[in-house]
Amino acid sequence: MIRIENLIKIYGEGDNAYQALHGVTFHVPSGRFASIMGPSGCGKSTLLNVLGLMDRPTGGAYHLDGDRVESLDDSALTVLRRRHVGFVFQSFNLLPRLSALQNICLPMSYEGVPKEVRESRGRSLLKRVGLKGKENNTPLELSGGERQRVGIARSLANRPKLLLADEPTGNLDTRTAKEVMELFKSLHADGMTILVVTHDPGIAEKTEQIIQIRDGLIERDETR
C-alpha cells in the first residue's frame, strides 16, 4: 500500500533551510495496522503530510497502492487524496454548526454522491462507530470520544484505501482512547490499511508494525 524510498524533505532555502526528513525508507503492505512513533519535532508530522498527499517531498519516491505519486500535479493529488485517503485528526476538525450526519456526508458531496446515497451511507457509518441515534447532534452536543467517532466515520465516507490518523487519542481520556483503538482494530479486521501517528508507546504497541523516527531518520522498523 505504502512504499517510501529515500524520502527527503527540506523547508526553506540557503541559510534558512531546514531538513526535516533525511532519506526515509519503509514499506507498509496493504491491510496492515501500522504506527509512526517519535517525540515532538522528530519529523513524523512532516512525513504524515507527505503520506496524506498534502505536501511534496524534496527528494525520493512515494508509491501509493502501486503508483508513484509524489510528482503528480496539484489537481491529481487533490483527487487522489479525496478518493483514496481518509484522515482522522487529534482535534476532530468537525464543523460545529453541522450535525454529525452532515459532517460525515460532506466529503461525499465533493464527490458528487447523490443526497439519498450520502445520507444512507452516513447513517450506516454512524451505526458502524456506535453512534446510531446521534445523527442530528452537533459536535458541541457530543463528548470528546463521540466527536472522534464521528471523525472516524467521516474519514470512511468515500471508502478510502488508506486511513491516516494523527494522534487520534491525544485529546481523549484513557478509557475513551482504548475504545477508539478498539474501533481501529475492528476496521483493520475488515481489511482497512491504517497508519497511526503517535508519541505514545502504549498506542504504538497495539499495532502490527512500529516505525520509530528520530531527527528525521528511521530509528526502528519492527513488524510483529
N, C-alpha and C. Protein backbone atom coordinates (compact mmCIF):
# COMPACT_ATOMS: atom_id res chain seq x y z
N MET A 1 0.83 -1.21 0.00
CA MET A 1 0.00 0.00 0.00
C MET A 1 0.86 1.26 0.00
N ILE A 2 1.83 1.33 0.95
CA ILE A 2 2.73 2.48 1.03
C ILE A 2 4.17 2.00 0.84
N ARG A 3 4.88 2.60 -0.07
CA ARG A 3 6.31 2.33 -0.22
C ARG A 3 7.04 3.67 -0.35
N ILE A 4 7.87 3.96 0.63
CA ILE A 4 8.64 5.20 0.67
C ILE A 4 10.11 4.85 0.45
N GLU A 5 10.76 5.56 -0.46
CA GLU A 5 12.16 5.27 -0.77
C GLU A 5 12.99 6.55 -0.72
N ASN A 6 13.92 6.59 0.23
CA ASN A 6 14.89 7.68 0.36
C ASN A 6 14.22 9.05 0.36
N LEU A 7 13.17 9.18 1.15
CA LEU A 7 12.37 10.40 1.17
C LEU A 7 13.11 11.52 1.92
N ILE A 8 13.19 12.66 1.26
CA ILE A 8 13.86 13.84 1.82
C ILE A 8 12.88 15.00 1.80
N LYS A 9 12.87 15.77 2.89
CA LYS A 9 12.05 16.99 2.91
C LYS A 9 12.85 18.12 3.51
N ILE A 10 13.02 19.19 2.72
CA ILE A 10 13.75 20.38 3.17
C ILE A 10 12.80 21.58 3.07
N TYR A 11 12.73 22.33 4.14
CA TYR A 11 11.94 23.56 4.15
C TYR A 11 12.89 24.75 4.03
N GLY A 12 12.49 25.75 3.25
CA GLY A 12 13.31 26.94 3.12
C GLY A 12 14.49 26.74 2.18
N GLU A 13 15.29 27.80 2.04
CA GLU A 13 16.44 27.77 1.14
C GLU A 13 17.64 28.44 1.80
N GLY A 14 18.82 28.12 1.27
CA GLY A 14 20.05 28.77 1.72
C GLY A 14 20.29 28.60 3.20
N ASP A 15 20.65 29.71 3.85
CA ASP A 15 20.97 29.68 5.28
C ASP A 15 19.75 29.37 6.14
N ASN A 16 18.56 29.56 5.58
CA ASN A 16 17.33 29.31 6.34
C ASN A 16 16.76 27.91 6.11
N ALA A 17 17.48 27.09 5.35
CA ALA A 17 17.00 25.75 5.03
C ALA A 17 17.01 24.86 6.27
N TYR A 18 15.95 24.05 6.38
CA TYR A 18 15.86 23.08 7.47
C TYR A 18 15.43 21.74 6.90
N GLN A 19 16.21 20.71 7.15
CA GLN A 19 15.90 19.39 6.63
C GLN A 19 15.14 18.59 7.68
N ALA A 20 13.87 18.29 7.38
CA ALA A 20 13.01 17.57 8.32
C ALA A 20 13.11 16.06 8.17
N LEU A 21 13.33 15.58 6.94
CA LEU A 21 13.45 14.15 6.67
C LEU A 21 14.76 13.89 5.94
N HIS A 22 15.49 12.87 6.39
CA HIS A 22 16.84 12.61 5.88
C HIS A 22 16.94 11.26 5.18
N GLY A 23 16.18 11.06 4.12
CA GLY A 23 16.28 9.82 3.38
C GLY A 23 15.54 8.67 4.04
N VAL A 24 14.25 8.84 4.27
CA VAL A 24 13.42 7.86 4.97
C VAL A 24 12.94 6.78 3.98
N THR A 25 13.08 5.51 4.39
CA THR A 25 12.65 4.39 3.56
C THR A 25 11.88 3.39 4.41
N PHE A 26 10.67 3.02 3.99
CA PHE A 26 9.92 1.95 4.66
C PHE A 26 8.78 1.49 3.76
N HIS A 27 8.15 0.38 4.18
CA HIS A 27 7.07 -0.21 3.40
C HIS A 27 5.96 -0.65 4.36
N VAL A 28 4.72 -0.27 4.05
CA VAL A 28 3.55 -0.73 4.80
C VAL A 28 2.64 -1.46 3.82
N PRO A 29 2.54 -2.79 3.92
CA PRO A 29 1.72 -3.55 2.98
C PRO A 29 0.23 -3.26 3.15
N SER A 30 -0.51 -3.57 2.12
CA SER A 30 -1.97 -3.41 2.16
C SER A 30 -2.55 -4.27 3.27
N GLY A 31 -3.51 -3.69 4.01
CA GLY A 31 -4.19 -4.41 5.07
C GLY A 31 -3.49 -4.42 6.40
N ARG A 32 -2.39 -3.69 6.53
CA ARG A 32 -1.63 -3.69 7.79
C ARG A 32 -2.07 -2.54 8.69
N PHE A 33 -1.98 -2.77 10.00
CA PHE A 33 -2.21 -1.75 11.01
C PHE A 33 -0.84 -1.33 11.53
N ALA A 34 -0.39 -0.13 11.15
CA ALA A 34 0.96 0.33 11.46
C ALA A 34 0.93 1.64 12.24
N SER A 35 2.07 1.96 12.85
CA SER A 35 2.17 3.23 13.59
C SER A 35 3.52 3.87 13.29
N ILE A 36 3.50 5.20 13.31
CA ILE A 36 4.71 6.00 13.25
C ILE A 36 4.85 6.68 14.60
N MET A 37 5.96 6.42 15.27
CA MET A 37 6.12 6.92 16.63
C MET A 37 7.39 7.75 16.73
N GLY A 38 7.35 8.75 17.58
CA GLY A 38 8.52 9.57 17.82
C GLY A 38 8.18 10.80 18.63
N PRO A 39 9.18 11.46 19.21
CA PRO A 39 8.94 12.66 20.02
C PRO A 39 8.58 13.85 19.16
N SER A 40 8.14 14.92 19.79
CA SER A 40 7.83 16.15 19.06
C SER A 40 9.06 16.63 18.31
N GLY A 41 8.86 17.08 17.06
CA GLY A 41 9.96 17.60 16.28
C GLY A 41 10.79 16.56 15.57
N CYS A 42 10.37 15.29 15.60
CA CYS A 42 11.19 14.23 15.01
C CYS A 42 10.98 14.10 13.51
N GLY A 43 9.90 14.69 12.98
CA GLY A 43 9.63 14.59 11.56
C GLY A 43 8.38 13.80 11.22
N LYS A 44 7.67 13.30 12.24
CA LYS A 44 6.53 12.44 11.94
C LYS A 44 5.36 13.21 11.34
N SER A 45 5.16 14.46 11.75
CA SER A 45 4.08 15.26 11.15
C SER A 45 4.39 15.61 9.71
N THR A 46 5.66 15.91 9.43
CA THR A 46 6.08 16.16 8.05
C THR A 46 5.83 14.92 7.20
N LEU A 47 6.20 13.77 7.72
CA LEU A 47 6.00 12.52 7.00
C LEU A 47 4.51 12.26 6.76
N LEU A 48 3.69 12.54 7.76
CA LEU A 48 2.25 12.34 7.60
C LEU A 48 1.69 13.23 6.50
N ASN A 49 2.15 14.47 6.43
CA ASN A 49 1.68 15.38 5.38
C ASN A 49 2.04 14.87 3.99
N VAL A 50 3.22 14.26 3.87
CA VAL A 50 3.61 13.70 2.58
C VAL A 50 2.77 12.47 2.27
N LEU A 51 2.59 11.59 3.25
CA LEU A 51 1.80 10.38 3.05
C LEU A 51 0.35 10.72 2.70
N GLY A 52 -0.16 11.79 3.28
CA GLY A 52 -1.53 12.21 3.03
C GLY A 52 -1.69 13.08 1.80
N LEU A 53 -0.60 13.23 1.03
CA LEU A 53 -0.63 13.98 -0.24
C LEU A 53 -0.95 15.45 -0.03
N MET A 54 -0.63 15.96 1.15
CA MET A 54 -0.84 17.38 1.43
C MET A 54 0.45 18.19 1.25
N ASP A 55 1.57 17.49 1.11
CA ASP A 55 2.86 18.14 0.91
C ASP A 55 3.70 17.24 0.01
N ARG A 56 4.66 17.84 -0.69
CA ARG A 56 5.53 17.09 -1.58
C ARG A 56 6.91 16.93 -0.96
N PRO A 57 7.55 15.79 -1.18
CA PRO A 57 8.92 15.64 -0.70
C PRO A 57 9.88 16.44 -1.58
N THR A 58 11.03 16.77 -1.04
CA THR A 58 12.07 17.44 -1.82
C THR A 58 12.80 16.43 -2.70
N GLY A 59 12.88 15.20 -2.22
CA GLY A 59 13.53 14.14 -2.98
C GLY A 59 13.01 12.79 -2.55
N GLY A 60 13.30 11.77 -3.37
CA GLY A 60 12.85 10.43 -3.04
C GLY A 60 11.56 10.07 -3.76
N ALA A 61 11.05 8.88 -3.47
CA ALA A 61 9.87 8.36 -4.17
C ALA A 61 8.80 7.92 -3.19
N TYR A 62 7.54 8.14 -3.58
CA TYR A 62 6.38 7.70 -2.80
C TYR A 62 5.47 6.91 -3.71
N HIS A 63 5.33 5.61 -3.43
CA HIS A 63 4.40 4.75 -4.16
C HIS A 63 3.19 4.48 -3.27
N LEU A 64 2.01 4.81 -3.78
CA LEU A 64 0.76 4.56 -3.07
C LEU A 64 -0.07 3.57 -3.86
N ASP A 65 -0.32 2.42 -3.27
CA ASP A 65 -1.10 1.37 -3.93
C ASP A 65 -0.53 1.02 -5.30
N GLY A 66 0.80 1.00 -5.39
CA GLY A 66 1.49 0.59 -6.61
C GLY A 66 1.81 1.70 -7.59
N ASP A 67 1.27 2.90 -7.35
CA ASP A 67 1.51 4.02 -8.26
C ASP A 67 2.42 5.07 -7.63
N ARG A 68 3.38 5.56 -8.41
CA ARG A 68 4.25 6.62 -7.92
C ARG A 68 3.50 7.95 -7.97
N VAL A 69 3.45 8.65 -6.83
CA VAL A 69 2.53 9.79 -6.75
C VAL A 69 3.17 11.12 -6.40
N GLU A 70 4.44 11.14 -5.99
CA GLU A 70 4.97 12.40 -5.45
C GLU A 70 5.12 13.49 -6.50
N SER A 71 5.16 13.12 -7.77
CA SER A 71 5.35 14.12 -8.82
C SER A 71 4.07 14.49 -9.55
N LEU A 72 2.92 13.98 -9.09
CA LEU A 72 1.65 14.34 -9.73
C LEU A 72 1.36 15.83 -9.52
N ASP A 73 0.58 16.42 -10.43
CA ASP A 73 0.24 17.83 -10.27
C ASP A 73 -0.79 18.00 -9.15
N ASP A 74 -1.01 19.24 -8.75
CA ASP A 74 -1.86 19.52 -7.59
C ASP A 74 -3.28 19.00 -7.77
N SER A 75 -3.82 19.14 -8.98
CA SER A 75 -5.18 18.67 -9.23
C SER A 75 -5.28 17.17 -9.06
N ALA A 76 -4.33 16.44 -9.60
CA ALA A 76 -4.34 14.98 -9.49
C ALA A 76 -4.16 14.54 -8.04
N LEU A 77 -3.29 15.24 -7.30
CA LEU A 77 -3.09 14.91 -5.88
C LEU A 77 -4.37 15.13 -5.08
N THR A 78 -5.08 16.21 -5.38
CA THR A 78 -6.33 16.50 -4.67
C THR A 78 -7.36 15.40 -4.90
N VAL A 79 -7.52 14.99 -6.13
CA VAL A 79 -8.47 13.92 -6.45
C VAL A 79 -8.07 12.62 -5.78
N LEU A 80 -6.79 12.29 -5.84
CA LEU A 80 -6.29 11.05 -5.24
C LEU A 80 -6.50 11.06 -3.73
N ARG A 81 -6.19 12.19 -3.10
CA ARG A 81 -6.35 12.31 -1.65
C ARG A 81 -7.82 12.19 -1.26
N ARG A 82 -8.68 12.84 -1.99
CA ARG A 82 -10.11 12.87 -1.66
C ARG A 82 -10.75 11.49 -1.80
N ARG A 83 -10.28 10.72 -2.77
CA ARG A 83 -10.91 9.44 -3.07
C ARG A 83 -10.28 8.25 -2.36
N HIS A 84 -9.00 8.35 -2.02
CA HIS A 84 -8.30 7.15 -1.56
C HIS A 84 -7.67 7.25 -0.17
N VAL A 85 -7.68 8.45 0.43
CA VAL A 85 -7.05 8.61 1.74
C VAL A 85 -8.06 9.22 2.71
N GLY A 86 -8.24 8.57 3.86
CA GLY A 86 -9.09 9.10 4.92
C GLY A 86 -8.23 9.64 6.05
N PHE A 87 -8.67 10.74 6.67
CA PHE A 87 -7.89 11.38 7.73
C PHE A 87 -8.68 11.43 9.03
N VAL A 88 -8.00 11.12 10.13
CA VAL A 88 -8.56 11.28 11.47
C VAL A 88 -7.62 12.20 12.24
N PHE A 89 -8.16 13.27 12.84
CA PHE A 89 -7.33 14.30 13.46
C PHE A 89 -7.45 14.29 14.98
N GLN A 90 -6.41 14.73 15.63
CA GLN A 90 -6.42 14.83 17.10
C GLN A 90 -7.52 15.78 17.57
N SER A 91 -7.70 16.89 16.86
CA SER A 91 -8.67 17.90 17.28
C SER A 91 -10.02 17.74 16.59
N PHE A 92 -10.25 16.58 15.99
CA PHE A 92 -11.52 16.18 15.38
C PHE A 92 -11.83 16.90 14.06
N ASN A 93 -11.63 18.24 14.02
CA ASN A 93 -11.85 19.03 12.80
C ASN A 93 -13.26 18.89 12.25
N LEU A 94 -14.25 18.84 13.13
CA LEU A 94 -15.64 18.81 12.70
C LEU A 94 -16.18 20.22 12.58
N LEU A 95 -17.12 20.43 11.66
CA LEU A 95 -17.74 21.75 11.52
C LEU A 95 -18.83 21.89 12.59
N PRO A 96 -18.71 22.87 13.50
CA PRO A 96 -19.56 22.92 14.69
C PRO A 96 -21.05 23.14 14.42
N ARG A 97 -21.37 23.78 13.31
CA ARG A 97 -22.79 24.07 13.03
C ARG A 97 -23.49 22.96 12.26
N LEU A 98 -22.73 21.98 11.83
CA LEU A 98 -23.33 20.85 11.12
C LEU A 98 -23.59 19.70 12.08
N SER A 99 -24.60 18.92 11.80
CA SER A 99 -24.88 17.73 12.62
C SER A 99 -23.83 16.66 12.33
N ALA A 100 -23.84 15.62 13.17
CA ALA A 100 -22.92 14.50 12.96
C ALA A 100 -23.10 13.92 11.56
N LEU A 101 -24.35 13.72 11.16
CA LEU A 101 -24.63 13.16 9.84
C LEU A 101 -24.14 14.09 8.73
N GLN A 102 -24.37 15.38 8.89
CA GLN A 102 -23.95 16.33 7.86
C GLN A 102 -22.43 16.38 7.74
N ASN A 103 -21.74 16.30 8.88
CA ASN A 103 -20.27 16.28 8.85
C ASN A 103 -19.76 15.07 8.07
N ILE A 104 -20.39 13.92 8.28
CA ILE A 104 -19.98 12.70 7.59
C ILE A 104 -20.28 12.77 6.10
N CYS A 105 -21.41 13.38 5.76
CA CYS A 105 -21.83 13.45 4.36
C CYS A 105 -21.03 14.44 3.53
N LEU A 106 -20.38 15.40 4.19
CA LEU A 106 -19.70 16.47 3.47
C LEU A 106 -18.66 15.97 2.46
N PRO A 107 -17.75 15.05 2.82
CA PRO A 107 -16.77 14.58 1.82
C PRO A 107 -17.44 13.93 0.61
N MET A 108 -18.57 13.26 0.84
CA MET A 108 -19.26 12.62 -0.28
C MET A 108 -19.87 13.64 -1.23
N SER A 109 -20.28 14.78 -0.70
CA SER A 109 -20.87 15.82 -1.56
C SER A 109 -19.83 16.34 -2.55
N TYR A 110 -18.55 16.41 -2.12
CA TYR A 110 -17.49 16.87 -3.01
C TYR A 110 -17.27 15.89 -4.17
N GLU A 111 -17.66 14.64 -3.96
CA GLU A 111 -17.51 13.62 -5.00
C GLU A 111 -18.78 13.46 -5.84
N GLY A 112 -19.78 14.28 -5.56
CA GLY A 112 -20.99 14.23 -6.34
C GLY A 112 -21.90 13.06 -6.03
N VAL A 113 -21.76 12.48 -4.84
CA VAL A 113 -22.62 11.36 -4.45
C VAL A 113 -24.04 11.89 -4.21
N PRO A 114 -25.06 11.27 -4.76
CA PRO A 114 -26.44 11.75 -4.57
C PRO A 114 -26.82 11.82 -3.10
N LYS A 115 -27.70 12.77 -2.77
CA LYS A 115 -28.05 13.02 -1.37
C LYS A 115 -28.57 11.79 -0.66
N GLU A 116 -29.45 11.04 -1.31
CA GLU A 116 -30.02 9.85 -0.65
C GLU A 116 -28.93 8.83 -0.33
N VAL A 117 -27.99 8.67 -1.24
CA VAL A 117 -26.88 7.73 -1.03
C VAL A 117 -25.98 8.24 0.09
N ARG A 118 -25.71 9.55 0.08
CA ARG A 118 -24.87 10.14 1.13
C ARG A 118 -25.46 9.88 2.50
N GLU A 119 -26.74 10.17 2.65
CA GLU A 119 -27.36 10.04 3.96
C GLU A 119 -27.48 8.58 4.40
N SER A 120 -27.75 7.70 3.45
CA SER A 120 -27.83 6.29 3.78
C SER A 120 -26.47 5.76 4.24
N ARG A 121 -25.43 6.13 3.51
CA ARG A 121 -24.08 5.70 3.88
C ARG A 121 -23.66 6.34 5.19
N GLY A 122 -24.02 7.61 5.38
CA GLY A 122 -23.67 8.30 6.63
C GLY A 122 -24.32 7.66 7.83
N ARG A 123 -25.57 7.27 7.72
CA ARG A 123 -26.26 6.61 8.83
C ARG A 123 -25.63 5.24 9.13
N SER A 124 -25.24 4.54 8.07
CA SER A 124 -24.59 3.24 8.25
C SER A 124 -23.24 3.40 8.96
N LEU A 125 -22.52 4.46 8.61
CA LEU A 125 -21.22 4.70 9.24
C LEU A 125 -21.39 5.10 10.70
N LEU A 126 -22.40 5.89 11.01
CA LEU A 126 -22.64 6.23 12.41
C LEU A 126 -22.97 4.98 13.23
N LYS A 127 -23.74 4.09 12.64
CA LYS A 127 -24.03 2.82 13.31
C LYS A 127 -22.75 2.01 13.47
N ARG A 128 -21.90 2.04 12.46
CA ARG A 128 -20.64 1.27 12.49
C ARG A 128 -19.73 1.72 13.62
N VAL A 129 -19.75 3.01 13.94
CA VAL A 129 -18.88 3.52 15.01
C VAL A 129 -19.61 3.65 16.34
N GLY A 130 -20.81 3.07 16.42
CA GLY A 130 -21.54 3.03 17.69
C GLY A 130 -22.30 4.29 18.05
N LEU A 131 -22.70 5.07 17.04
CA LEU A 131 -23.39 6.34 17.31
C LEU A 131 -24.77 6.42 16.66
N LYS A 132 -25.40 5.28 16.48
CA LYS A 132 -26.76 5.29 15.96
C LYS A 132 -27.65 6.10 16.92
N GLY A 133 -28.47 7.00 16.37
CA GLY A 133 -29.32 7.85 17.18
C GLY A 133 -28.72 9.23 17.43
N LYS A 134 -27.44 9.43 17.03
CA LYS A 134 -26.78 10.72 17.22
C LYS A 134 -26.70 11.52 15.91
N GLU A 135 -27.46 11.11 14.92
CA GLU A 135 -27.37 11.72 13.59
C GLU A 135 -27.54 13.23 13.62
N ASN A 136 -28.44 13.74 14.44
CA ASN A 136 -28.78 15.17 14.43
C ASN A 136 -28.04 15.99 15.48
N ASN A 137 -27.21 15.35 16.27
CA ASN A 137 -26.44 16.07 17.27
C ASN A 137 -25.29 16.84 16.63
N THR A 138 -25.07 18.06 17.07
CA THR A 138 -23.91 18.82 16.61
C THR A 138 -22.70 18.41 17.46
N PRO A 139 -21.48 18.74 17.01
CA PRO A 139 -20.29 18.39 17.79
C PRO A 139 -20.33 18.90 19.23
N LEU A 140 -20.93 20.07 19.46
CA LEU A 140 -20.99 20.62 20.81
C LEU A 140 -21.90 19.81 21.73
N GLU A 141 -22.74 18.97 21.14
CA GLU A 141 -23.65 18.12 21.92
C GLU A 141 -23.09 16.71 22.11
N LEU A 142 -21.83 16.51 21.71
CA LEU A 142 -21.20 15.20 21.80
C LEU A 142 -19.98 15.26 22.71
N SER A 143 -19.65 14.13 23.31
CA SER A 143 -18.43 14.04 24.12
C SER A 143 -17.21 13.98 23.20
N GLY A 144 -16.02 14.09 23.80
CA GLY A 144 -14.80 14.02 23.00
C GLY A 144 -14.69 12.70 22.25
N GLY A 145 -14.99 11.60 22.93
CA GLY A 145 -14.94 10.30 22.29
C GLY A 145 -15.94 10.17 21.16
N GLU A 146 -17.13 10.74 21.36
CA GLU A 146 -18.15 10.69 20.31
C GLU A 146 -17.73 11.54 19.11
N ARG A 147 -17.12 12.69 19.37
CA ARG A 147 -16.63 13.52 18.27
C ARG A 147 -15.58 12.78 17.45
N GLN A 148 -14.69 12.06 18.16
CA GLN A 148 -13.67 11.33 17.42
C GLN A 148 -14.28 10.20 16.60
N ARG A 149 -15.33 9.58 17.12
CA ARG A 149 -16.02 8.54 16.36
C ARG A 149 -16.68 9.12 15.10
N VAL A 150 -17.24 10.32 15.23
CA VAL A 150 -17.79 10.99 14.05
C VAL A 150 -16.67 11.27 13.06
N GLY A 151 -15.52 11.72 13.58
CA GLY A 151 -14.37 11.98 12.73
C GLY A 151 -13.91 10.73 11.99
N ILE A 152 -13.93 9.59 12.67
CA ILE A 152 -13.55 8.33 12.03
C ILE A 152 -14.57 7.96 10.96
N ALA A 153 -15.86 8.10 11.30
CA ALA A 153 -16.91 7.80 10.31
C ALA A 153 -16.76 8.70 9.08
N ARG A 154 -16.47 9.98 9.30
CA ARG A 154 -16.27 10.90 8.17
C ARG A 154 -15.08 10.47 7.31
N SER A 155 -14.02 9.99 7.96
CA SER A 155 -12.82 9.58 7.22
C SER A 155 -13.11 8.39 6.31
N LEU A 156 -14.17 7.64 6.62
CA LEU A 156 -14.51 6.45 5.85
C LEU A 156 -15.57 6.72 4.78
N ALA A 157 -16.04 7.96 4.71
CA ALA A 157 -17.19 8.29 3.87
C ALA A 157 -16.99 7.94 2.41
N ASN A 158 -15.80 8.22 1.87
CA ASN A 158 -15.53 7.95 0.46
C ASN A 158 -14.84 6.62 0.23
N ARG A 159 -14.92 5.74 1.24
CA ARG A 159 -14.39 4.38 1.14
C ARG A 159 -12.92 4.37 0.73
N PRO A 160 -12.06 5.00 1.55
CA PRO A 160 -10.64 5.11 1.19
C PRO A 160 -9.91 3.77 1.28
N LYS A 161 -8.78 3.71 0.60
CA LYS A 161 -7.92 2.54 0.69
C LYS A 161 -6.99 2.64 1.90
N LEU A 162 -6.71 3.86 2.32
CA LEU A 162 -5.75 4.11 3.40
C LEU A 162 -6.35 5.07 4.41
N LEU A 163 -6.22 4.73 5.70
CA LEU A 163 -6.68 5.60 6.78
C LEU A 163 -5.47 6.11 7.56
N LEU A 164 -5.31 7.43 7.62
CA LEU A 164 -4.22 8.07 8.35
C LEU A 164 -4.79 8.75 9.58
N ALA A 165 -4.23 8.47 10.74
CA ALA A 165 -4.74 9.05 12.00
C ALA A 165 -3.60 9.78 12.71
N ASP A 166 -3.79 11.07 12.93
CA ASP A 166 -2.77 11.91 13.55
C ASP A 166 -3.09 12.11 15.03
N GLU A 167 -2.36 11.42 15.90
CA GLU A 167 -2.57 11.49 17.35
C GLU A 167 -4.07 11.38 17.68
N PRO A 168 -4.74 10.34 17.22
CA PRO A 168 -6.20 10.27 17.34
C PRO A 168 -6.71 10.13 18.77
N THR A 169 -5.83 9.77 19.71
CA THR A 169 -6.25 9.64 21.11
C THR A 169 -5.67 10.74 21.98
N GLY A 170 -5.02 11.71 21.36
CA GLY A 170 -4.30 12.73 22.13
C GLY A 170 -5.18 13.58 23.02
N ASN A 171 -6.44 13.80 22.63
CA ASN A 171 -7.35 14.64 23.41
C ASN A 171 -8.38 13.83 24.18
N LEU A 172 -8.13 12.52 24.35
CA LEU A 172 -9.11 11.65 24.98
C LEU A 172 -8.58 11.07 26.29
N ASP A 173 -9.51 10.77 27.20
CA ASP A 173 -9.10 10.10 28.44
C ASP A 173 -8.74 8.65 28.13
N THR A 174 -8.16 7.96 29.11
CA THR A 174 -7.63 6.62 28.89
C THR A 174 -8.70 5.64 28.43
N ARG A 175 -9.85 5.65 29.05
CA ARG A 175 -10.91 4.71 28.69
C ARG A 175 -11.40 4.96 27.27
N THR A 176 -11.62 6.23 26.94
CA THR A 176 -12.12 6.56 25.62
C THR A 176 -11.07 6.26 24.55
N ALA A 177 -9.80 6.52 24.88
CA ALA A 177 -8.72 6.21 23.95
C ALA A 177 -8.70 4.71 23.63
N LYS A 178 -8.92 3.90 24.64
CA LYS A 178 -8.96 2.45 24.44
C LYS A 178 -10.11 2.07 23.51
N GLU A 179 -11.25 2.72 23.69
CA GLU A 179 -12.41 2.43 22.84
C GLU A 179 -12.13 2.81 21.38
N VAL A 180 -11.46 3.93 21.18
CA VAL A 180 -11.13 4.36 19.82
C VAL A 180 -10.15 3.38 19.18
N MET A 181 -9.17 2.91 19.95
CA MET A 181 -8.22 1.95 19.40
C MET A 181 -8.90 0.63 19.08
N GLU A 182 -9.88 0.25 19.86
CA GLU A 182 -10.64 -0.97 19.56
C GLU A 182 -11.41 -0.81 18.25
N LEU A 183 -11.89 0.40 18.00
CA LEU A 183 -12.59 0.67 16.75
C LEU A 183 -11.63 0.56 15.57
N PHE A 184 -10.42 1.09 15.72
CA PHE A 184 -9.41 0.95 14.68
C PHE A 184 -9.10 -0.52 14.42
N LYS A 185 -8.98 -1.29 15.49
CA LYS A 185 -8.69 -2.72 15.35
C LYS A 185 -9.81 -3.42 14.60
N SER A 186 -11.04 -3.01 14.84
CA SER A 186 -12.18 -3.58 14.15
C SER A 186 -12.15 -3.24 12.66
N LEU A 187 -11.80 -2.00 12.34
CA LEU A 187 -11.69 -1.58 10.94
C LEU A 187 -10.56 -2.35 10.25
N HIS A 188 -9.47 -2.54 10.97
CA HIS A 188 -8.34 -3.30 10.42
C HIS A 188 -8.74 -4.75 10.16
N ALA A 189 -9.55 -5.31 11.06
CA ALA A 189 -10.01 -6.68 10.89
C ALA A 189 -10.86 -6.83 9.63
N ASP A 190 -11.47 -5.73 9.20
CA ASP A 190 -12.27 -5.73 7.97
C ASP A 190 -11.42 -5.52 6.72
N GLY A 191 -10.10 -5.36 6.91
CA GLY A 191 -9.19 -5.23 5.77
C GLY A 191 -8.64 -3.84 5.51
N MET A 192 -8.98 -2.87 6.35
CA MET A 192 -8.51 -1.50 6.16
C MET A 192 -7.02 -1.37 6.47
N THR A 193 -6.29 -0.64 5.64
CA THR A 193 -4.90 -0.29 5.92
C THR A 193 -4.92 0.98 6.78
N ILE A 194 -4.29 0.90 7.96
CA ILE A 194 -4.35 2.02 8.91
C ILE A 194 -2.94 2.39 9.36
N LEU A 195 -2.66 3.68 9.37
CA LEU A 195 -1.38 4.19 9.85
C LEU A 195 -1.65 5.27 10.89
N VAL A 196 -1.25 5.01 12.12
CA VAL A 196 -1.48 5.92 13.23
C VAL A 196 -0.17 6.62 13.59
N VAL A 197 -0.20 7.94 13.67
CA VAL A 197 0.95 8.72 14.12
C VAL A 197 0.74 9.03 15.60
N THR A 198 1.74 8.70 16.42
CA THR A 198 1.57 8.87 17.86
C THR A 198 2.92 9.08 18.54
N HIS A 199 2.88 9.70 19.71
CA HIS A 199 4.07 9.78 20.55
C HIS A 199 3.96 8.82 21.73
N ASP A 200 2.84 8.08 21.78
CA ASP A 200 2.52 7.21 22.92
C ASP A 200 2.93 5.77 22.62
N PRO A 201 3.93 5.23 23.32
CA PRO A 201 4.35 3.84 23.08
C PRO A 201 3.23 2.84 23.32
N GLY A 202 2.33 3.14 24.25
CA GLY A 202 1.22 2.24 24.53
C GLY A 202 0.28 2.10 23.34
N ILE A 203 0.07 3.19 22.61
CA ILE A 203 -0.76 3.14 21.39
C ILE A 203 -0.01 2.38 20.30
N ALA A 204 1.26 2.69 20.12
CA ALA A 204 2.04 2.03 19.07
C ALA A 204 2.12 0.52 19.28
N GLU A 205 2.18 0.09 20.52
CA GLU A 205 2.30 -1.34 20.82
C GLU A 205 1.06 -2.13 20.41
N LYS A 206 -0.02 -1.45 20.15
CA LYS A 206 -1.25 -2.13 19.73
C LYS A 206 -1.28 -2.38 18.23
N THR A 207 -0.26 -1.91 17.50
CA THR A 207 -0.23 -2.05 16.05
C THR A 207 0.71 -3.19 15.63
N GLU A 208 0.60 -3.59 14.38
CA GLU A 208 1.40 -4.71 13.87
C GLU A 208 2.81 -4.29 13.47
N GLN A 209 2.96 -3.04 13.08
CA GLN A 209 4.25 -2.53 12.62
C GLN A 209 4.51 -1.19 13.28
N ILE A 210 5.68 -1.04 13.87
CA ILE A 210 6.06 0.22 14.53
C ILE A 210 7.25 0.81 13.78
N ILE A 211 7.04 2.01 13.25
CA ILE A 211 8.11 2.75 12.59
C ILE A 211 8.48 3.91 13.49
N GLN A 212 9.65 3.86 14.06
CA GLN A 212 10.07 4.89 15.02
C GLN A 212 11.02 5.86 14.34
N ILE A 213 10.72 7.15 14.48
CA ILE A 213 11.51 8.20 13.85
C ILE A 213 12.17 9.07 14.91
N ARG A 214 13.39 9.44 14.64
CA ARG A 214 14.10 10.40 15.50
C ARG A 214 14.99 11.25 14.61
N ASP A 215 14.87 12.56 14.74
CA ASP A 215 15.68 13.52 13.98
C ASP A 215 15.60 13.27 12.47
N GLY A 216 14.39 12.95 12.00
CA GLY A 216 14.18 12.80 10.57
C GLY A 216 14.73 11.53 9.96
N LEU A 217 15.08 10.56 10.82
CA LEU A 217 15.62 9.28 10.36
C LEU A 217 14.82 8.13 10.96
N ILE A 218 14.77 6.99 10.26
CA ILE A 218 14.14 5.80 10.81
C ILE A 218 15.08 5.19 11.85
N GLU A 219 14.64 5.15 13.09
CA GLU A 219 15.44 4.56 14.16
C GLU A 219 15.11 3.08 14.35
N ARG A 220 13.86 2.72 14.06
CA ARG A 220 13.43 1.33 14.20
C ARG A 220 12.24 1.10 13.27
N ASP A 221 12.21 -0.07 12.64
CA ASP A 221 11.07 -0.50 11.82
C ASP A 221 10.84 -1.95 12.17
N GLU A 222 9.88 -2.18 13.05
CA GLU A 222 9.66 -3.51 13.61
C GLU A 222 8.26 -4.01 13.23
N THR A 223 8.22 -5.21 12.67
CA THR A 223 6.95 -5.87 12.36
C THR A 223 6.78 -7.07 13.29
N ARG A 224 5.57 -7.16 13.88
CA ARG A 224 5.37 -8.22 14.87
C ARG A 224 4.24 -9.14 14.42
